Structures are given as structure tokens and as C-alpha cells.
Amino acid sequence: MSAWTSTGPLVSHVEITATTVQRGDVIQLRGRACRVRDLVQPRRGAKQLVFESGELLAIHARTRFAAVRTWRGR
């Protein structure tokens, strides 16, 4: 019997905030999956998320979202 090996990235469900959000996180908004392309910090504690679609979302320091994060092996 051969050992199973993963050939793709690992996916994890995480709760994100303005502090923990990362590029590449996928957030579901109104039924659409939106991948974070860039982050801008306009003022203390808040962040503006730039999605791959070009849309923007500003989140407050206390905002919480469920997201999917991809972990790539090295």
C-alpha cells in the first residue's frame, strides 16, 4: 500500500479581523467568494481590503468575518 500525499494547497477556515486579514484570504460576501488582493490601512485599527475584482471593503477594528485561507507547502 502506498502512502497518501497531498499535491495541492491546504485550506483552512479561519475567523479574520482587521488585524489578522492577509492577502489571499477568501471572504464570502452576499454569496460571492472574494479574494483579498491588497490591504490598505487608512487609519488606526481599520483596514481597506482590495479584492481581485477591484471592489473595496473597509473594515473596522472590531469587524469579524469567516474566511478561507490557503496554506501552501514549501
C-alpha atoms as a PDB file:
ATOM      1  CA  MET A   1       0.000   0.000   0.000  1.00  0.00           C
ATOM      2  CA  SER A   2       1.364   3.455  -0.868  1.00  0.00           C
ATOM      3  CA  ALA A   3       1.230   6.475   1.421  1.00  0.00           C
ATOM      4  CA  TRP A   4      -1.173   9.296   0.544  1.00  0.00           C
ATOM      5  CA  THR A   5       0.448  12.615  -0.270  1.00  0.00           C
ATOM      6  CA  SER A   6      -1.219  15.954  -0.831  1.00  0.00           C
ATOM      7  CA  THR A   7      -0.423  17.576  -4.162  1.00  0.00           C
ATOM      8  CA  GLY A   8      -2.490  20.725  -3.658  1.00  0.00           C
ATOM      9  CA  PRO A   9      -2.593  23.540  -1.156  1.00  0.00           C
ATOM     10  CA  LEU A  10      -4.155  23.013   2.277  1.00  0.00           C
ATOM     11  CA  VAL A  11      -7.276  25.033   3.014  1.00  0.00           C
ATOM     12  CA  SER A  12      -8.331  26.194   6.466  1.00  0.00           C
ATOM     13  CA  HIS A  13     -11.422  28.022   7.701  1.00  0.00           C
ATOM     14  CA  VAL A  14     -10.424  30.967   9.895  1.00  0.00           C
ATOM     15  CA  GLU A  15     -12.005  33.967  11.572  1.00  0.00           C
ATOM     16  CA  ILE A  16     -10.373  37.175  10.406  1.00  0.00           C
ATOM     17  CA  THR A  17     -10.302  40.700  11.763  1.00  0.00           C
ATOM     18  CA  ALA A  18      -8.619  43.891  10.574  1.00  0.00           C
ATOM     19  CA  THR A  19      -5.545  42.723  12.476  1.00  0.00           C
ATOM     20  CA  THR A  20      -5.360  39.153  11.102  1.00  0.00           C
ATOM     21  CA  VAL A  21      -6.538  39.518   7.480  1.00  0.00           C
ATOM     22  CA  GLN A  22      -3.936  38.521   4.875  1.00  0.00           C
ATOM     23  CA  ARG A  23      -3.538  38.783   1.119  1.00  0.00           C
ATOM     24  CA  GLY A  24      -5.085  35.710  -0.471  1.00  0.00           C
ATOM     25  CA  ASP A  25      -7.818  35.232   2.153  1.00  0.00           C
ATOM     26  CA  VAL A  26     -11.189  34.409   0.598  1.00  0.00           C
ATOM     27  CA  ILE A  27     -14.216  36.061   2.225  1.00  0.00           C
ATOM     28  CA  GLN A  28     -17.777  35.211   1.234  1.00  0.00           C
ATOM     29  CA  LEU A  29     -19.868  38.367   0.853  1.00  0.00           C
ATOM     30  CA  ARG A  30     -23.512  38.095  -0.181  1.00  0.00           C
ATOM     31  CA  GLY A  31     -22.925  34.650  -1.659  1.00  0.00           C
ATOM     32  CA  ARG A  32     -19.818  35.637  -3.646  1.00  0.00           C
ATOM     33  CA  ALA A  33     -16.318  34.469  -2.819  1.00  0.00           C
ATOM     34  CA  CYS A  34     -13.967  37.469  -2.826  1.00  0.00           C
ATOM     35  CA  ARG A  35     -10.184  37.006  -2.653  1.00  0.00           C
ATOM     36  CA  VAL A  36      -8.159  39.755  -0.942  1.00  0.00           C
ATOM     37  CA  ARG A  37      -5.575  41.155  -3.378  1.00  0.00           C
ATOM     38  CA  ASP A  38      -4.213  44.029  -1.304  1.00  0.00           C
ATOM     39  CA  LEU A  39      -4.606  45.740   2.071  1.00  0.00           C
ATOM     40  CA  VAL A  40      -4.528  49.450   2.861  1.00  0.00           C
ATOM     41  CA  GLN A  41      -4.511  50.861   6.396  1.00  0.00           C
ATOM     42  CA  PRO A  42      -6.190  54.291   6.131  1.00  0.00           C
ATOM     43  CA  ARG A  43      -6.453  54.963   9.879  1.00  0.00           C
ATOM     44  CA  ARG A  44      -5.607  53.331  13.155  1.00  0.00           C
ATOM     45  CA  GLY A  45      -7.275  49.961  13.621  1.00  0.00           C
ATOM     46  CA  ALA A  46      -9.228  49.911  10.352  1.00  0.00           C
ATOM     47  CA  LYS A  47      -8.223  48.339   7.049  1.00  0.00           C
ATOM     48  CA  GLN A  48      -9.399  48.680   3.489  1.00  0.00           C
ATOM     49  CA  LEU A  49      -9.466  45.405   1.588  1.00  0.00           C
ATOM     50  CA  VAL A  50      -8.933  45.433  -2.166  1.00  0.00           C
ATOM     51  CA  PHE A  51     -10.390  42.348  -3.847  1.00  0.00           C
ATOM     52  CA  GLU A  52      -9.218  40.741  -7.095  1.00  0.00           C
ATOM     53  CA  SER A  53     -12.437  42.018  -8.710  1.00  0.00           C
ATOM     54  CA  GLY A  54     -11.335  45.590  -7.938  1.00  0.00           C
ATOM     55  CA  GLU A  55     -14.008  46.129  -5.289  1.00  0.00           C
ATOM     56  CA  LEU A  56     -13.121  47.730  -1.966  1.00  0.00           C
ATOM     57  CA  LEU A  57     -14.307  46.957   1.554  1.00  0.00           C
ATOM     58  CA  ALA A  58     -13.374  48.974   4.639  1.00  0.00           C
ATOM     59  CA  ILE A  59     -13.472  47.044   7.891  1.00  0.00           C
ATOM     60  CA  HIS A  60     -13.387  48.407  11.415  1.00  0.00           C
ATOM     61  CA  ALA A  61     -11.027  47.076  14.059  1.00  0.00           C
ATOM     62  CA  ARG A  62     -13.879  45.042  15.618  1.00  0.00           C
ATOM     63  CA  THR A  63     -15.259  43.579  12.363  1.00  0.00           C
ATOM     64  CA  ARG A  64     -15.106  39.769  12.167  1.00  0.00           C
ATOM     65  CA  PHE A  65     -15.530  37.546   9.112  1.00  0.00           C
ATOM     66  CA  ALA A  66     -15.325  33.850   8.438  1.00  0.00           C
ATOM     67  CA  ALA A  67     -12.812  33.229   5.670  1.00  0.00           C
ATOM     68  CA  VAL A  68     -10.887  30.520   3.882  1.00  0.00           C
ATOM     69  CA  ARG A  69      -7.094  30.672   3.999  1.00  0.00           C
ATOM     70  CA  THR A  70      -4.855  28.666   1.680  1.00  0.00           C
ATOM     71  CA  TRP A  71      -1.639  27.262   3.125  1.00  0.00           C
ATOM     72  CA  ARG A  72       0.983  26.422   0.531  1.00  0.00           C
ATOM     73  CA  GLY A  73       3.735  23.943   1.262  1.00  0.00           C
ATOM     74  CA  ARG A  74       7.342  24.923   0.692  1.00  0.00           C
END
